[in-house]
Amino acid sequence: MKKQKQVKTDEPTLRTLQNDVQGLAVNVDTLRTDIHEVLSAVSVHATKTEKRFDRMDNRFDCMDKRFDRMDKRFDEVEGRVKDIEQVMVTREYLDEKLLDLRGDMITLLRKEDHTITLMAQILREKKVFSDDDMKRLSLQRSVPLHA
């Protein structure tokens, strides 16, 4: 057998290609491991973040319940205020009633004064009261007696 002459070329040999492929496989495995570690870290962080959001949701739910209770209380207060407004007297109404009462009192006082004046005159005519008694009575009254 004759030996073949080997020609030197720039092309890689099968062995070199196998080594390069094995090196790439190792690099891909390393990248997969790195990617898996990053994904695990992201997953842990995402889980923690999700728990935080769940706690925030619970807080908002509690706040919603509190606002609902406050709305009920405000509705009750509003109803009570409306009831009070319906039965509450106004200043104008009160002023009018006080003026009516004042007028009624003045009328009663005048009737009483008239009655007392009449009684004092009858008693003076019957000589029960003297002129001095009539003067004393006149000084005690808001409306003086006529002698």
Protein backbone atom coordinates (compact mmCIF):
# COMPACT_ATOMS: atom_id res chain seq x y z
CA MET A 1 0.00 0.00 0.00
CA LYS A 2 0.97 3.32 -0.79
CA LYS A 3 0.87 6.12 1.55
CA GLN A 4 -1.28 8.94 0.62
CA LYS A 5 0.16 12.22 0.82
CA GLN A 6 -1.49 14.50 3.20
CA VAL A 7 -2.32 17.91 2.00
CA LYS A 8 -2.29 20.65 4.44
CA THR A 9 -5.34 22.85 4.27
CA ASP A 10 -6.87 25.56 6.36
CA GLU A 11 -9.94 23.47 6.93
CA PRO A 12 -10.46 22.15 10.45
CA THR A 13 -10.21 18.49 11.13
CA LEU A 14 -12.99 16.34 12.43
CA ARG A 15 -11.34 16.20 15.81
CA THR A 16 -11.15 20.00 16.03
CA LEU A 17 -14.81 20.27 15.09
CA GLN A 18 -15.77 17.72 17.75
CA ASN A 19 -13.82 19.63 20.38
CA ASP A 20 -15.44 22.90 19.32
CA VAL A 21 -18.93 21.31 19.44
CA GLN A 22 -18.22 19.90 22.91
CA GLY A 23 -17.02 23.33 24.05
CA LEU A 24 -20.19 24.91 22.70
CA ALA A 25 -22.29 22.24 24.46
CA VAL A 26 -20.56 23.07 27.74
CA ASN A 27 -21.19 26.79 27.12
CA VAL A 28 -24.86 26.09 26.35
CA ASP A 29 -25.15 24.01 29.54
CA THR A 30 -23.54 26.82 31.53
CA LEU A 31 -25.92 29.33 29.93
CA ARG A 32 -28.88 27.07 30.73
CA THR A 33 -27.74 26.86 34.35
CA ASP A 34 -27.30 30.64 34.51
CA ILE A 35 -30.70 31.21 32.91
CA HIS A 36 -32.29 28.72 35.32
CA GLU A 37 -30.71 30.54 38.31
CA VAL A 38 -31.92 33.92 37.01
CA LEU A 39 -35.41 32.54 36.41
CA SER A 40 -35.45 31.04 39.92
CA ALA A 41 -34.40 34.39 41.41
CA VAL A 42 -37.05 36.21 39.37
CA SER A 43 -39.63 33.62 40.45
CA VAL A 44 -38.72 34.12 44.14
CA HIS A 45 -38.89 37.88 43.71
CA ALA A 46 -42.21 37.61 41.84
CA THR A 47 -43.63 35.44 44.63
CA LYS A 48 -42.58 37.99 47.26
CA THR A 49 -44.05 40.80 45.16
CA GLU A 50 -47.29 38.88 44.70
CA LYS A 51 -47.53 38.37 48.47
CA ARG A 52 -47.03 42.11 48.98
CA PHE A 53 -49.79 42.88 46.49
CA ASP A 54 -52.04 40.38 48.25
CA ARG A 55 -51.41 42.18 51.55
CA MET A 56 -52.11 45.51 49.87
CA ASP A 57 -55.34 44.10 48.42
CA ASN A 58 -56.35 42.99 51.92
CA ARG A 59 -55.62 46.46 53.26
CA PHE A 60 -57.70 48.05 50.50
CA ASP A 61 -60.52 45.61 51.23
CA CYS A 62 -60.39 46.63 54.89
CA MET A 63 -60.41 50.31 53.91
CA ASP A 64 -63.37 49.71 51.59
CA LYS A 65 -65.27 48.10 54.47
CA ARG A 66 -64.44 51.05 56.73
CA PHE A 67 -65.63 53.51 54.08
CA ASP A 68 -68.83 51.50 53.67
CA ARG A 69 -69.44 51.73 57.43
CA MET A 70 -68.71 55.47 57.34
CA ASP A 71 -71.15 55.89 54.44
CA LYS A 72 -73.85 54.15 56.50
CA ARG A 73 -73.12 56.40 59.46
CA PHE A 74 -73.24 59.53 57.29
CA ASP A 75 -76.53 58.36 55.80
CA GLU A 76 -77.92 57.91 59.33
CA VAL A 77 -76.67 61.36 60.37
CA GLU A 78 -78.14 62.88 57.22
CA GLY A 79 -81.49 61.28 58.00
CA ARG A 80 -81.40 62.57 61.55
CA VAL A 81 -80.52 66.07 60.37
CA LYS A 82 -83.47 66.00 57.95
CA ASP A 83 -85.75 64.92 60.81
CA ILE A 84 -84.43 67.76 62.97
CA GLU A 85 -84.89 70.26 60.15
CA GLN A 86 -88.51 69.17 59.74
CA VAL A 87 -89.42 69.75 63.38
CA MET A 88 -87.06 72.64 64.09
CA VAL A 89 -88.55 76.09 64.51
CA THR A 90 -87.07 78.94 62.57
CA ARG A 91 -86.07 82.23 64.07
CA GLU A 92 -88.84 83.99 62.17
CA TYR A 93 -91.44 81.57 63.53
CA LEU A 94 -90.10 81.98 67.07
CA ASP A 95 -90.03 85.78 66.78
CA GLU A 96 -93.60 85.79 65.51
CA LYS A 97 -94.80 83.57 68.38
CA LEU A 98 -92.98 85.70 70.97
CA LEU A 99 -94.58 88.83 69.56
CA ASP A 100 -97.99 87.13 69.72
CA LEU A 101 -97.33 86.14 73.33
CA ARG A 102 -96.21 89.68 74.17
CA GLY A 103 -99.39 91.06 72.66
CA ASP A 104 -101.50 88.56 74.61
CA MET A 105 -99.68 89.48 77.84
CA ILE A 106 -100.20 93.21 77.23
CA THR A 107 -103.89 92.61 76.60
CA LEU A 108 -104.21 90.60 79.84
CA LEU A 109 -102.32 93.24 81.81
CA ARG A 110 -104.59 95.98 80.48
CA LYS A 111 -107.69 93.96 81.40
CA GLU A 112 -106.25 93.40 84.86
CA ASP A 113 -105.41 97.10 85.20
CA HIS A 114 -108.91 97.97 84.15
CA THR A 115 -110.37 95.54 86.68
CA ILE A 116 -108.17 96.84 89.49
CA THR A 117 -108.94 100.43 88.57
CA LEU A 118 -112.65 99.66 88.60
CA MET A 119 -112.39 97.87 91.97
CA ALA A 120 -110.36 100.74 93.47
CA GLN A 121 -112.93 103.28 92.24
CA ILE A 122 -115.81 101.23 93.66
CA LEU A 123 -114.03 100.93 97.00
CA ARG A 124 -113.30 104.70 96.95
CA GLU A 125 -116.94 105.43 96.22
CA LYS A 126 -117.99 103.21 99.14
CA LYS A 127 -115.53 105.09 101.32
CA VAL A 128 -113.44 101.99 101.97
CA PHE A 129 -110.36 103.60 100.34
CA SER A 130 -109.19 107.10 101.18
CA ASP A 131 -107.50 109.49 98.78
CA ASP A 132 -104.15 108.48 100.32
CA ASP A 133 -104.95 104.79 99.67
CA MET A 134 -105.71 105.61 96.04
CA LYS A 135 -102.38 107.44 95.69
CA ARG A 136 -100.47 104.51 97.22
CA LEU A 137 -102.21 102.08 94.87
CA SER A 138 -101.46 104.33 91.94
CA LEU A 139 -97.76 104.44 92.79
CA GLN A 140 -97.53 100.60 92.89
CA ARG A 141 -99.09 100.04 89.50
CA SER A 142 -97.57 100.28 86.06
CA VAL A 143 -100.63 102.25 84.88
CA PRO A 144 -101.62 104.98 87.37
CA LEU A 145 -105.15 105.00 88.79
CA HIS A 146 -107.44 107.90 88.06
CA ALA A 147 -108.77 109.47 91.27
